[in-house]
mmCIF file of all heavy atoms, coordinates in Angstrom:
data_MODEL
# 
_entry.id   MODEL 
# 
loop_
_atom_site.group_PDB 
_atom_site.id 
_atom_site.type_symbol 
_atom_site.label_atom_id 
_atom_site.label_alt_id 
_atom_site.label_comp_id 
_atom_site.label_asym_id 
_atom_site.label_entity_id 
_atom_site.label_seq_id 
_atom_site.pdbx_PDB_ins_code 
_atom_site.Cartn_x 
_atom_site.Cartn_y 
_atom_site.Cartn_z 
_atom_site.occupancy 
_atom_site.B_iso_or_equiv 
_atom_site.pdbx_formal_charge 
_atom_site.auth_seq_id 
_atom_site.auth_comp_id 
_atom_site.auth_asym_id 
_atom_site.auth_atom_id 
_atom_site.pdbx_PDB_model_num 
ATOM 1   N N   . THR A 1 1  ? 63.024 246.720 45.701 1.00 0.00 ? 1  THR A N   1 
ATOM 2   C CA  . THR A 1 1  ? 62.371 246.255 44.482 1.00 0.00 ? 1  THR A CA  1 
ATOM 3   C C   . THR A 1 1  ? 61.747 247.450 43.798 1.00 0.00 ? 1  THR A C   1 
ATOM 4   O O   . THR A 1 1  ? 61.470 248.462 44.456 1.00 0.00 ? 1  THR A O   1 
ATOM 5   C CB  . THR A 1 1  ? 61.302 245.204 44.804 1.00 0.00 ? 1  THR A CB  1 
ATOM 6   O OG1 . THR A 1 1  ? 60.393 245.721 45.754 1.00 0.00 ? 1  THR A OG1 1 
ATOM 7   C CG2 . THR A 1 1  ? 61.922 243.917 45.291 1.00 0.00 ? 1  THR A CG2 1 
ATOM 8   N N   . PRO A 1 2  ? 61.519 247.335 42.525 1.00 0.00 ? 2  PRO A N   1 
ATOM 9   C CA  . PRO A 1 2  ? 61.882 246.208 41.688 1.00 0.00 ? 2  PRO A CA  1 
ATOM 10  C C   . PRO A 1 2  ? 63.391 246.143 41.454 1.00 0.00 ? 2  PRO A C   1 
ATOM 11  O O   . PRO A 1 2  ? 64.083 247.149 41.523 1.00 0.00 ? 2  PRO A O   1 
ATOM 12  C CB  . PRO A 1 2  ? 61.149 246.489 40.381 1.00 0.00 ? 2  PRO A CB  1 
ATOM 13  C CG  . PRO A 1 2  ? 61.018 247.970 40.322 1.00 0.00 ? 2  PRO A CG  1 
ATOM 14  C CD  . PRO A 1 2  ? 60.872 248.413 41.748 1.00 0.00 ? 2  PRO A CD  1 
ATOM 15  N N   . LEU A 1 3  ? 63.842 244.942 41.178 1.00 0.00 ? 3  LEU A N   1 
ATOM 16  C CA  . LEU A 1 3  ? 65.201 244.709 40.707 1.00 0.00 ? 3  LEU A CA  1 
ATOM 17  C C   . LEU A 1 3  ? 65.045 243.997 39.373 1.00 0.00 ? 3  LEU A C   1 
ATOM 18  O O   . LEU A 1 3  ? 64.446 242.932 39.299 1.00 0.00 ? 3  LEU A O   1 
ATOM 19  C CB  . LEU A 1 3  ? 66.012 243.854 41.677 1.00 0.00 ? 3  LEU A CB  1 
ATOM 20  C CG  . LEU A 1 3  ? 67.387 243.405 41.172 1.00 0.00 ? 3  LEU A CG  1 
ATOM 21  C CD1 . LEU A 1 3  ? 68.292 244.610 40.880 1.00 0.00 ? 3  LEU A CD1 1 
ATOM 22  C CD2 . LEU A 1 3  ? 68.055 242.463 42.166 1.00 0.00 ? 3  LEU A CD2 1 
ATOM 23  N N   . ILE A 1 4  ? 65.551 244.640 38.323 1.00 0.00 ? 4  ILE A N   1 
ATOM 24  C CA  . ILE A 1 4  ? 65.479 244.055 36.983 1.00 0.00 ? 4  ILE A CA  1 
ATOM 25  C C   . ILE A 1 4  ? 66.903 243.727 36.557 1.00 0.00 ? 4  ILE A C   1 
ATOM 26  O O   . ILE A 1 4  ? 67.759 244.605 36.521 1.00 0.00 ? 4  ILE A O   1 
ATOM 27  C CB  . ILE A 1 4  ? 64.832 245.031 35.986 1.00 0.00 ? 4  ILE A CB  1 
ATOM 28  C CG1 . ILE A 1 4  ? 63.427 245.420 36.451 1.00 0.00 ? 4  ILE A CG1 1 
ATOM 29  C CG2 . ILE A 1 4  ? 64.795 244.405 34.584 1.00 0.00 ? 4  ILE A CG2 1 
ATOM 30  C CD1 . ILE A 1 4  ? 62.795 246.546 35.654 1.00 0.00 ? 4  ILE A CD1 1 
ATOM 31  N N   . CYS A 1 5  ? 67.150 242.464 36.279 1.00 0.00 ? 5  CYS A N   1 
ATOM 32  C CA  . CYS A 1 5  ? 68.456 242.010 35.797 1.00 0.00 ? 5  CYS A CA  1 
ATOM 33  C C   . CYS A 1 5  ? 68.305 241.731 34.318 1.00 0.00 ? 5  CYS A C   1 
ATOM 34  O O   . CYS A 1 5  ? 67.519 240.873 33.914 1.00 0.00 ? 5  CYS A O   1 
ATOM 35  C CB  . CYS A 1 5  ? 68.896 240.765 36.544 1.00 0.00 ? 5  CYS A CB  1 
ATOM 36  S SG  . CYS A 1 5  ? 69.074 241.041 38.315 1.00 0.00 ? 5  CYS A SG  1 
ATOM 37  N N   . ILE A 1 6  ? 69.058 242.471 33.521 1.00 0.00 ? 6  ILE A N   1 
ATOM 38  C CA  . ILE A 1 6  ? 68.928 242.388 32.072 1.00 0.00 ? 6  ILE A CA  1 
ATOM 39  C C   . ILE A 1 6  ? 70.326 242.273 31.467 1.00 0.00 ? 6  ILE A C   1 
ATOM 40  O O   . ILE A 1 6  ? 71.012 243.269 31.268 1.00 0.00 ? 6  ILE A O   1 
ATOM 41  C CB  . ILE A 1 6  ? 68.114 243.584 31.527 1.00 0.00 ? 6  ILE A CB  1 
ATOM 42  C CG1 . ILE A 1 6  ? 67.990 243.543 30.028 1.00 0.00 ? 6  ILE A CG1 1 
ATOM 43  C CG2 . ILE A 1 6  ? 68.613 244.907 32.030 1.00 0.00 ? 6  ILE A CG2 1 
ATOM 44  C CD1 . ILE A 1 6  ? 66.974 244.514 29.456 1.00 0.00 ? 6  ILE A CD1 1 
ATOM 45  N N   . GLY A 1 7  ? 70.746 241.029 31.245 1.00 0.00 ? 7  GLY A N   1 
ATOM 46  C CA  . GLY A 1 7  ? 72.085 240.790 30.706 1.00 0.00 ? 7  GLY A CA  1 
ATOM 47  C C   . GLY A 1 7  ? 73.154 241.243 31.675 1.00 0.00 ? 7  GLY A C   1 
ATOM 48  O O   . GLY A 1 7  ? 73.206 240.790 32.810 1.00 0.00 ? 7  GLY A O   1 
ATOM 49  N N   . ASN A 1 8  ? 73.994 242.157 31.236 1.00 0.00 ? 8  ASN A N   1 
ATOM 50  C CA  . ASN A 1 8  ? 75.089 242.664 32.068 1.00 0.00 ? 8  ASN A CA  1 
ATOM 51  C C   . ASN A 1 8  ? 74.734 243.976 32.764 1.00 0.00 ? 8  ASN A C   1 
ATOM 52  O O   . ASN A 1 8  ? 75.630 244.703 33.197 1.00 0.00 ? 8  ASN A O   1 
ATOM 53  C CB  . ASN A 1 8  ? 76.348 242.836 31.213 1.00 0.00 ? 8  ASN A CB  1 
ATOM 54  C CG  . ASN A 1 8  ? 76.880 241.503 30.753 1.00 0.00 ? 8  ASN A CG  1 
ATOM 55  O OD1 . ASN A 1 8  ? 76.970 240.555 31.518 1.00 0.00 ? 8  ASN A OD1 1 
ATOM 56  N ND2 . ASN A 1 8  ? 77.213 241.405 29.484 1.00 0.00 ? 8  ASN A ND2 1 
ATOM 57  N N   . ASN A 1 9  ? 73.459 244.275 32.853 1.00 0.00 ? 9  ASN A N   1 
ATOM 58  C CA  . ASN A 1 9  ? 72.993 245.505 33.493 1.00 0.00 ? 9  ASN A CA  1 
ATOM 59  C C   . ASN A 1 9  ? 71.861 245.187 34.457 1.00 0.00 ? 9  ASN A C   1 
ATOM 60  O O   . ASN A 1 9  ? 71.242 244.132 34.386 1.00 0.00 ? 9  ASN A O   1 
ATOM 61  C CB  . ASN A 1 9  ? 72.493 246.499 32.439 1.00 0.00 ? 9  ASN A CB  1 
ATOM 62  C CG  . ASN A 1 9  ? 73.601 246.947 31.516 1.00 0.00 ? 9  ASN A CG  1 
ATOM 63  O OD1 . ASN A 1 9  ? 74.478 247.689 31.911 1.00 0.00 ? 9  ASN A OD1 1 
ATOM 64  N ND2 . ASN A 1 9  ? 73.559 246.485 30.281 1.00 0.00 ? 9  ASN A ND2 1 
ATOM 65  N N   . TYR A 1 10 ? 71.603 246.141 35.321 1.00 0.00 ? 10 TYR A N   1 
ATOM 66  C CA  . TYR A 1 10 ? 70.489 245.991 36.254 1.00 0.00 ? 10 TYR A CA  1 
ATOM 67  C C   . TYR A 1 10 ? 69.850 247.349 36.507 1.00 0.00 ? 10 TYR A C   1 
ATOM 68  O O   . TYR A 1 10 ? 70.456 248.400 36.284 1.00 0.00 ? 10 TYR A O   1 
ATOM 69  C CB  . TYR A 1 10 ? 70.952 245.390 37.591 1.00 0.00 ? 10 TYR A CB  1 
ATOM 70  C CG  . TYR A 1 10 ? 71.743 246.345 38.441 1.00 0.00 ? 10 TYR A CG  1 
ATOM 71  C CD1 . TYR A 1 10 ? 71.119 247.141 39.392 1.00 0.00 ? 10 TYR A CD1 1 
ATOM 72  C CD2 . TYR A 1 10 ? 73.120 246.472 38.277 1.00 0.00 ? 10 TYR A CD2 1 
ATOM 73  C CE1 . TYR A 1 10 ? 71.839 248.035 40.157 1.00 0.00 ? 10 TYR A CE1 1 
ATOM 74  C CE2 . TYR A 1 10 ? 73.852 247.352 39.039 1.00 0.00 ? 10 TYR A CE2 1 
ATOM 75  C CZ  . TYR A 1 10 ? 73.215 248.136 39.977 1.00 0.00 ? 10 TYR A CZ  1 
ATOM 76  O OH  . TYR A 1 10 ? 73.930 249.026 40.731 1.00 0.00 ? 10 TYR A OH  1 
ATOM 77  N N   . ILE A 1 11 ? 68.609 247.298 36.943 1.00 0.00 ? 11 ILE A N   1 
ATOM 78  C CA  . ILE A 1 11 ? 67.875 248.487 37.370 1.00 0.00 ? 11 ILE A CA  1 
ATOM 79  C C   . ILE A 1 11 ? 67.324 248.171 38.749 1.00 0.00 ? 11 ILE A C   1 
ATOM 80  O O   . ILE A 1 11 ? 66.658 247.164 38.943 1.00 0.00 ? 11 ILE A O   1 
ATOM 81  C CB  . ILE A 1 11 ? 66.722 248.816 36.399 1.00 0.00 ? 11 ILE A CB  1 
ATOM 82  C CG1 . ILE A 1 11 ? 67.284 249.167 35.018 1.00 0.00 ? 11 ILE A CG1 1 
ATOM 83  C CG2 . ILE A 1 11 ? 65.867 249.947 36.953 1.00 0.00 ? 11 ILE A CG2 1 
ATOM 84  C CD1 . ILE A 1 11 ? 66.227 249.325 33.944 1.00 0.00 ? 11 ILE A CD1 1 
ATOM 85  N N   . LEU A 1 12 ? 67.617 249.042 39.696 1.00 0.00 ? 12 LEU A N   1 
ATOM 86  C CA  . LEU A 1 12 ? 67.116 248.889 41.060 1.00 0.00 ? 12 LEU A CA  1 
ATOM 87  C C   . LEU A 1 12 ? 66.211 250.069 41.361 1.00 0.00 ? 12 LEU A C   1 
ATOM 88  O O   . LEU A 1 12 ? 66.628 251.217 41.262 1.00 0.00 ? 12 LEU A O   1 
ATOM 89  C CB  . LEU A 1 12 ? 68.286 248.838 42.046 1.00 0.00 ? 12 LEU A CB  1 
ATOM 90  C CG  . LEU A 1 12 ? 67.928 248.648 43.516 1.00 0.00 ? 12 LEU A CG  1 
ATOM 91  C CD1 . LEU A 1 12 ? 67.150 247.351 43.737 1.00 0.00 ? 12 LEU A CD1 1 
ATOM 92  C CD2 . LEU A 1 12 ? 69.192 248.651 44.362 1.00 0.00 ? 12 LEU A CD2 1 
ATOM 93  N N   . GLY A 1 13 ? 64.959 249.771 41.688 1.00 0.00 ? 13 GLY A N   1 
ATOM 94  C CA  . GLY A 1 13 ? 63.976 250.824 41.901 1.00 0.00 ? 13 GLY A CA  1 
ATOM 95  C C   . GLY A 1 13 ? 63.327 251.202 40.578 1.00 0.00 ? 13 GLY A C   1 
ATOM 96  O O   . GLY A 1 13 ? 63.627 250.626 39.531 1.00 0.00 ? 13 GLY A O   1 
ATOM 97  N N   . TRP A 1 14 ? 62.435 252.174 40.625 1.00 0.00 ? 14 TRP A N   1 
ATOM 98  C CA  . TRP A 1 14 ? 61.750 252.578 39.388 1.00 0.00 ? 14 TRP A CA  1 
ATOM 99  C C   . TRP A 1 14 ? 61.319 254.030 39.465 1.00 0.00 ? 14 TRP A C   1 
ATOM 100 O O   . TRP A 1 14 ? 60.854 254.506 40.503 1.00 0.00 ? 14 TRP A O   1 
ATOM 101 C CB  . TRP A 1 14 ? 60.532 251.713 39.107 1.00 0.00 ? 14 TRP A CB  1 
ATOM 102 C CG  . TRP A 1 14 ? 60.048 251.892 37.705 1.00 0.00 ? 14 TRP A CG  1 
ATOM 103 C CD1 . TRP A 1 14 ? 58.969 252.612 37.292 1.00 0.00 ? 14 TRP A CD1 1 
ATOM 104 C CD2 . TRP A 1 14 ? 60.653 251.374 36.520 1.00 0.00 ? 14 TRP A CD2 1 
ATOM 105 N NE1 . TRP A 1 14 ? 58.863 252.566 35.917 1.00 0.00 ? 14 TRP A NE1 1 
ATOM 106 C CE2 . TRP A 1 14 ? 59.893 251.803 35.422 1.00 0.00 ? 14 TRP A CE2 1 
ATOM 107 C CE3 . TRP A 1 14 ? 61.770 250.576 36.273 1.00 0.00 ? 14 TRP A CE3 1 
ATOM 108 C CZ2 . TRP A 1 14 ? 60.196 251.470 34.113 1.00 0.00 ? 14 TRP A CZ2 1 
ATOM 109 C CZ3 . TRP A 1 14 ? 62.073 250.241 34.981 1.00 0.00 ? 14 TRP A CZ3 1 
ATOM 110 C CH2 . TRP A 1 14 ? 61.292 250.683 33.909 1.00 0.00 ? 14 TRP A CH2 1 
ATOM 111 N N   . SER A 1 15 ? 61.509 254.738 38.362 1.00 0.00 ? 15 SER A N   1 
ATOM 112 C CA  . SER A 1 15 ? 61.046 256.114 38.173 1.00 0.00 ? 15 SER A CA  1 
ATOM 113 C C   . SER A 1 15 ? 61.059 256.367 36.674 1.00 0.00 ? 15 SER A C   1 
ATOM 114 O O   . SER A 1 15 ? 61.459 255.499 35.893 1.00 0.00 ? 15 SER A O   1 
ATOM 115 C CB  . SER A 1 15 ? 61.957 257.098 38.913 1.00 0.00 ? 15 SER A CB  1 
ATOM 116 O OG  . SER A 1 15 ? 63.279 257.008 38.403 1.00 0.00 ? 15 SER A OG  1 
ATOM 117 N N   . LYS A 1 16 ? 60.643 257.547 36.253 1.00 0.00 ? 16 LYS A N   1 
ATOM 118 C CA  . LYS A 1 16 ? 60.596 257.863 34.814 1.00 0.00 ? 16 LYS A CA  1 
ATOM 119 C C   . LYS A 1 16 ? 61.960 257.704 34.153 1.00 0.00 ? 16 LYS A C   1 
ATOM 120 O O   . LYS A 1 16 ? 62.053 257.202 33.034 1.00 0.00 ? 16 LYS A O   1 
ATOM 121 C CB  . LYS A 1 16 ? 60.076 259.286 34.589 1.00 0.00 ? 16 LYS A CB  1 
ATOM 122 C CG  . LYS A 1 16 ? 58.590 259.400 34.721 1.00 0.00 ? 16 LYS A CG  1 
ATOM 123 C CD  . LYS A 1 16 ? 57.921 258.740 33.534 1.00 0.00 ? 16 LYS A CD  1 
ATOM 124 C CE  . LYS A 1 16 ? 56.429 258.910 33.605 1.00 0.00 ? 16 LYS A CE  1 
ATOM 125 N NZ  . LYS A 1 16 ? 55.744 258.093 32.638 1.00 0.00 ? 16 LYS A NZ  1 
ATOM 126 N N   . ASN A 1 17 ? 63.053 258.137 34.816 1.00 0.00 ? 17 ASN A N   1 
ATOM 127 C CA  . ASN A 1 17 ? 64.372 258.025 34.186 1.00 0.00 ? 17 ASN A CA  1 
ATOM 128 C C   . ASN A 1 17 ? 64.821 256.569 34.049 1.00 0.00 ? 17 ASN A C   1 
ATOM 129 O O   . ASN A 1 17 ? 65.656 256.254 33.207 1.00 0.00 ? 17 ASN A O   1 
ATOM 130 C CB  . ASN A 1 17 ? 65.413 258.861 34.924 1.00 0.00 ? 17 ASN A CB  1 
ATOM 131 C CG  . ASN A 1 17 ? 65.660 258.394 36.338 1.00 0.00 ? 17 ASN A CG  1 
ATOM 132 O OD1 . ASN A 1 17 ? 64.771 257.864 36.986 1.00 0.00 ? 17 ASN A OD1 1 
ATOM 133 N ND2 . ASN A 1 17 ? 66.860 258.605 36.829 1.00 0.00 ? 17 ASN A ND2 1 
ATOM 134 N N   . LYS A 1 18 ? 64.247 255.677 34.829 1.00 0.00 ? 18 LYS A N   1 
ATOM 135 C CA  . LYS A 1 18 ? 64.574 254.246 34.702 1.00 0.00 ? 18 LYS A CA  1 
ATOM 136 C C   . LYS A 1 18 ? 63.999 253.669 33.404 1.00 0.00 ? 18 LYS A C   1 
ATOM 137 O O   . LYS A 1 18 ? 64.511 252.692 32.882 1.00 0.00 ? 18 LYS A O   1 
ATOM 138 C CB  . LYS A 1 18 ? 64.055 253.456 35.903 1.00 0.00 ? 18 LYS A CB  1 
ATOM 139 C CG  . LYS A 1 18 ? 64.554 253.933 37.235 1.00 0.00 ? 18 LYS A CG  1 
ATOM 140 C CD  . LYS A 1 18 ? 65.973 253.537 37.493 1.00 0.00 ? 18 LYS A CD  1 
ATOM 141 C CE  . LYS A 1 18 ? 66.349 253.999 38.902 1.00 0.00 ? 18 LYS A CE  1 
ATOM 142 N NZ  . LYS A 1 18 ? 67.550 253.434 39.386 1.00 0.00 ? 18 LYS A NZ  1 
ATOM 143 N N   . GLU A 1 19 ? 62.947 254.286 32.876 1.00 0.00 ? 19 GLU A N   1 
ATOM 144 C CA  . GLU A 1 19 ? 62.386 253.836 31.598 1.00 0.00 ? 19 GLU A CA  1 
ATOM 145 C C   . GLU A 1 19 ? 63.428 253.972 30.502 1.00 0.00 ? 19 GLU A C   1 
ATOM 146 O O   . GLU A 1 19 ? 63.588 253.068 29.675 1.00 0.00 ? 19 GLU A O   1 
ATOM 147 C CB  . GLU A 1 19 ? 61.135 254.644 31.250 1.00 0.00 ? 19 GLU A CB  1 
ATOM 148 C CG  . GLU A 1 19 ? 59.975 254.404 32.189 1.00 0.00 ? 19 GLU A CG  1 
ATOM 149 C CD  . GLU A 1 19 ? 58.768 255.278 31.894 1.00 0.00 ? 19 GLU A CD  1 
ATOM 150 O OE1 . GLU A 1 19 ? 58.764 255.999 30.864 1.00 0.00 ? 19 GLU A OE1 1 
ATOM 151 O OE2 . GLU A 1 19 ? 57.809 255.236 32.695 1.00 0.00 ? 19 GLU A OE2 1 
ATOM 152 N N   . GLU A 1 20 ? 64.150 255.086 30.493 1.00 0.00 ? 20 GLU A N   1 
ATOM 153 C CA  . GLU A 1 20 ? 65.210 255.288 29.493 1.00 0.00 ? 20 GLU A CA  1 
ATOM 154 C C   . GLU A 1 20 ? 66.346 254.305 29.706 1.00 0.00 ? 20 GLU A C   1 
ATOM 155 O O   . GLU A 1 20 ? 66.910 253.787 28.739 1.00 0.00 ? 20 GLU A O   1 
ATOM 156 C CB  . GLU A 1 20 ? 65.724 256.733 29.543 1.00 0.00 ? 20 GLU A CB  1 
ATOM 157 C CG  . GLU A 1 20 ? 64.710 257.747 29.062 1.00 0.00 ? 20 GLU A CG  1 
ATOM 158 C CD  . GLU A 1 20 ? 64.199 257.452 27.643 1.00 0.00 ? 20 GLU A CD  1 
ATOM 159 O OE1 . GLU A 1 20 ? 65.024 257.148 26.756 1.00 0.00 ? 20 GLU A OE1 1 
ATOM 160 O OE2 . GLU A 1 20 ? 62.978 257.536 27.439 1.00 0.00 ? 20 GLU A OE2 1 
ATOM 161 N N   . ASP A 1 21 ? 66.685 254.038 30.962 1.00 0.00 ? 21 ASP A N   1 
ATOM 162 C CA  . ASP A 1 21 ? 67.722 253.038 31.259 1.00 0.00 ? 21 ASP A CA  1 
ATOM 163 C C   . ASP A 1 21 ? 67.306 251.680 30.710 1.00 0.00 ? 21 ASP A C   1 
ATOM 164 O O   . ASP A 1 21 ? 68.111 250.973 30.105 1.00 0.00 ? 21 ASP A O   1 
ATOM 165 C CB  . ASP A 1 21 ? 67.951 252.918 32.770 1.00 0.00 ? 21 ASP A CB  1 
ATOM 166 C CG  . ASP A 1 21 ? 68.642 254.124 33.362 1.00 0.00 ? 21 ASP A CG  1 
ATOM 167 O OD1 . ASP A 1 21 ? 69.230 254.929 32.598 1.00 0.00 ? 21 ASP A OD1 1 
ATOM 168 O OD2 . ASP A 1 21 ? 68.591 254.274 34.604 1.00 0.00 ? 21 ASP A OD2 1 
ATOM 169 N N   . PHE A 1 22 ? 66.033 251.319 30.915 1.00 0.00 ? 22 PHE A N   1 
ATOM 170 C CA  . PHE A 1 22 ? 65.560 250.026 30.431 1.00 0.00 ? 22 PHE A CA  1 
ATOM 171 C C   . PHE A 1 22 ? 65.695 249.935 28.914 1.00 0.00 ? 22 PHE A C   1 
ATOM 172 O O   . PHE A 1 22 ? 66.170 248.931 28.385 1.00 0.00 ? 22 PHE A O   1 
ATOM 173 C CB  . PHE A 1 22 ? 64.110 249.757 30.850 1.00 0.00 ? 22 PHE A CB  1 
ATOM 174 C CG  . PHE A 1 22 ? 63.648 248.386 30.454 1.00 0.00 ? 22 PHE A CG  1 
ATOM 175 C CD1 . PHE A 1 22 ? 63.927 247.302 31.260 1.00 0.00 ? 22 PHE A CD1 1 
ATOM 176 C CD2 . PHE A 1 22 ? 62.964 248.173 29.262 1.00 0.00 ? 22 PHE A CD2 1 
ATOM 177 C CE1 . PHE A 1 22 ? 63.536 246.018 30.888 1.00 0.00 ? 22 PHE A CE1 1 
ATOM 178 C CE2 . PHE A 1 22 ? 62.566 246.909 28.884 1.00 0.00 ? 22 PHE A CE2 1 
ATOM 179 C CZ  . PHE A 1 22 ? 62.855 245.822 29.704 1.00 0.00 ? 22 PHE A CZ  1 
ATOM 180 N N   . LYS A 1 23 ? 65.292 250.979 28.209 1.00 0.00 ? 23 LYS A N   1 
ATOM 181 C CA  . LYS A 1 23 ? 65.384 250.983 26.745 1.00 0.00 ? 23 LYS A CA  1 
ATOM 182 C C   . LYS A 1 23 ? 66.832 250.805 26.290 1.00 0.00 ? 23 LYS A C   1 
ATOM 183 O O   . LYS A 1 23 ? 67.125 250.016 25.388 1.00 0.00 ? 23 LYS A O   1 
ATOM 184 C CB  . LYS A 1 23 ? 64.818 252.285 26.179 1.00 0.00 ? 23 LYS A CB  1 
ATOM 185 C CG  . LYS A 1 23 ? 63.322 252.421 26.357 1.00 0.00 ? 23 LYS A CG  1 
ATOM 186 C CD  . LYS A 1 23 ? 62.843 253.795 25.909 1.00 0.00 ? 23 LYS A CD  1 
ATOM 187 C CE  . LYS A 1 23 ? 61.390 254.016 26.263 1.00 0.00 ? 23 LYS A CE  1 
ATOM 188 N NZ  . LYS A 1 23 ? 60.918 255.357 25.924 1.00 0.00 ? 23 LYS A NZ  1 
ATOM 189 N N   . LYS A 1 24 ? 67.735 251.534 26.935 1.00 0.00 ? 24 LYS A N   1 
ATOM 190 C CA  . LYS A 1 24 ? 69.159 251.455 26.588 1.00 0.00 ? 24 LYS A CA  1 
ATOM 191 C C   . LYS A 1 24 ? 69.709 250.058 26.887 1.00 0.00 ? 24 LYS A C   1 
ATOM 192 O O   . LYS A 1 24 ? 70.385 249.449 26.058 1.00 0.00 ? 24 LYS A O   1 
ATOM 193 C CB  . LYS A 1 24 ? 69.932 252.514 27.366 1.00 0.00 ? 24 LYS A CB  1 
ATOM 194 C CG  . LYS A 1 24 ? 71.425 252.516 27.119 1.00 0.00 ? 24 LYS A CG  1 
ATOM 195 C CD  . LYS A 1 24 ? 72.116 253.639 27.874 1.00 0.00 ? 24 LYS A CD  1 
ATOM 196 C CE  . LYS A 1 24 ? 72.116 253.313 29.340 1.00 0.00 ? 24 LYS A CE  1 
ATOM 197 N NZ  . LYS A 1 24 ? 72.858 254.252 30.168 1.00 0.00 ? 24 LYS A NZ  1 
ATOM 198 N N   . PHE A 1 25 ? 69.391 249.524 28.068 1.00 0.00 ? 25 PHE A N   1 
ATOM 199 C CA  . PHE A 1 25 ? 69.889 248.207 28.456 1.00 0.00 ? 25 PHE A CA  1 
ATOM 200 C C   . PHE A 1 25 ? 69.298 247.107 27.578 1.00 0.00 ? 25 PHE A C   1 
ATOM 201 O O   . PHE A 1 25 ? 69.962 246.110 27.283 1.00 0.00 ? 25 PHE A O   1 
ATOM 202 C CB  . PHE A 1 25 ? 69.584 247.918 29.926 1.00 0.00 ? 25 PHE A CB  1 
ATOM 203 C CG  . PHE A 1 25 ? 70.313 248.809 30.895 1.00 0.00 ? 25 PHE A CG  1 
ATOM 204 C CD1 . PHE A 1 25 ? 69.814 249.002 32.172 1.00 0.00 ? 25 PHE A CD1 1 
ATOM 205 C CD2 . PHE A 1 25 ? 71.482 249.475 30.543 1.00 0.00 ? 25 PHE A CD2 1 
ATOM 206 C CE1 . PHE A 1 25 ? 70.474 249.815 33.079 1.00 0.00 ? 25 PHE A CE1 1 
ATOM 207 C CE2 . PHE A 1 25 ? 72.156 250.295 31.440 1.00 0.00 ? 25 PHE A CE2 1 
ATOM 208 C CZ  . PHE A 1 25 ? 71.642 250.463 32.711 1.00 0.00 ? 25 PHE A CZ  1 
ATOM 209 N N   . LEU A 1 26 ? 68.054 247.289 27.142 1.00 0.00 ? 26 LEU A N   1 
ATOM 210 C CA  . LEU A 1 26 ? 67.422 246.303 26.271 1.00 0.00 ? 26 LEU A CA  1 
ATOM 211 C C   . LEU A 1 26 ? 68.152 246.231 24.933 1.00 0.00 ? 26 LEU A C   1 
ATOM 212 O O   . LEU A 1 26 ? 68.378 245.137 24.405 1.00 0.00 ? 26 LEU A O   1 
ATOM 213 C CB  . LEU A 1 26 ? 65.945 246.625 26.063 1.00 0.00 ? 26 LEU A CB  1 
ATOM 214 C CG  . LEU A 1 26 ? 65.164 245.635 25.208 1.00 0.00 ? 26 LEU A CG  1 
ATOM 215 C CD1 . LEU A 1 26 ? 65.191 244.231 25.810 1.00 0.00 ? 26 LEU A CD1 1 
ATOM 216 C CD2 . LEU A 1 26 ? 63.727 246.107 25.027 1.00 0.00 ? 26 LEU A CD2 1 
ATOM 217 N N   . GLU A 1 27 ? 68.534 247.373 24.390 1.00 0.00 ? 27 GLU A N   1 
ATOM 218 C CA  . GLU A 1 27 ? 69.300 247.384 23.129 1.00 0.00 ? 27 GLU A CA  1 
ATOM 219 C C   . GLU A 1 27 ? 70.625 246.658 23.301 1.00 0.00 ? 27 GLU A C   1 
ATOM 220 O O   . GLU A 1 27 ? 71.021 245.865 22.451 1.00 0.00 ? 27 GLU A O   1 
ATOM 221 C CB  . GLU A 1 27 ? 69.523 248.817 22.644 1.00 0.00 ? 27 GLU A CB  1 
ATOM 222 C CG  . GLU A 1 27 ? 68.302 249.437 22.021 1.00 0.00 ? 27 GLU A CG  1 
ATOM 223 C CD  . GLU A 1 27 ? 67.712 248.592 20.878 1.00 0.00 ? 27 GLU A CD  1 
ATOM 224 O OE1 . GLU A 1 27 ? 68.465 248.179 19.979 1.00 0.00 ? 27 GLU A OE1 1 
ATOM 225 O OE2 . GLU A 1 27 ? 66.486 248.356 20.912 1.00 0.00 ? 27 GLU A OE2 1 
ATOM 226 N N   . GLN A 1 28 ? 71.327 246.921 24.402 1.00 0.00 ? 28 GLN A N   1 
ATOM 227 C CA  . GLN A 1 28 ? 72.592 246.235 24.674 1.00 0.00 ? 28 GLN A CA  1 
ATOM 228 C C   . GLN A 1 28 ? 72.363 244.736 24.840 1.00 0.00 ? 28 GLN A C   1 
ATOM 229 O O   . GLN A 1 28 ? 73.132 243.928 24.326 1.00 0.00 ? 28 GLN A O   1 
ATOM 230 C CB  . GLN A 1 28 ? 73.234 246.802 25.940 1.00 0.00 ? 28 GLN A CB  1 
ATOM 231 C CG  . GLN A 1 28 ? 73.734 248.211 25.809 1.00 0.00 ? 28 GLN A CG  1 
ATOM 232 C CD  . GLN A 1 28 ? 74.215 248.800 27.118 1.00 0.00 ? 28 GLN A CD  1 
ATOM 233 O OE1 . GLN A 1 28 ? 74.281 248.108 28.153 1.00 0.00 ? 28 GLN A OE1 1 
ATOM 234 N NE2 . GLN A 1 28 ? 74.537 250.072 27.106 1.00 0.00 ? 28 GLN A NE2 1 
ATOM 235 N N   . PHE A 1 29 ? 71.285 244.377 25.528 1.00 0.00 ? 29 PHE A N   1 
ATOM 236 C CA  . PHE A 1 29 ? 70.939 242.978 25.775 1.00 0.00 ? 29 PHE A CA  1 
ATOM 237 C C   . PHE A 1 29 ? 70.684 242.250 24.462 1.00 0.00 ? 29 PHE A C   1 
ATOM 238 O O   . PHE A 1 29 ? 71.145 241.124 24.278 1.00 0.00 ? 29 PHE A O   1 
ATOM 239 C CB  . PHE A 1 29 ? 69.703 242.933 26.676 1.00 0.00 ? 29 PHE A CB  1 
ATOM 240 C CG  . PHE A 1 29 ? 69.179 241.558 26.961 1.00 0.00 ? 29 PHE A CG  1 
ATOM 241 C CD1 . PHE A 1 29 ? 69.853 240.723 27.838 1.00 0.00 ? 29 PHE A CD1 1 
ATOM 242 C CD2 . PHE A 1 29 ? 68.002 241.108 26.388 1.00 0.00 ? 29 PHE A CD2 1 
ATOM 243 C CE1 . PHE A 1 29 ? 69.368 239.455 28.121 1.00 0.00 ? 29 PHE A CE1 1 
ATOM 244 C CE2 . PHE A 1 29 ? 67.515 239.852 26.671 1.00 0.00 ? 29 PHE A CE2 1 
ATOM 245 C CZ  . PHE A 1 29 ? 68.196 239.016 27.539 1.00 0.00 ? 29 PHE A CZ  1 
# 
């Protein structure tokens, strides 16, 4: 954890670079 499921993407774990992944996945979502 954390496991974030956002549409057709996911994020497993968390660090600073995951913040950018979240922003990108949110736009796709």
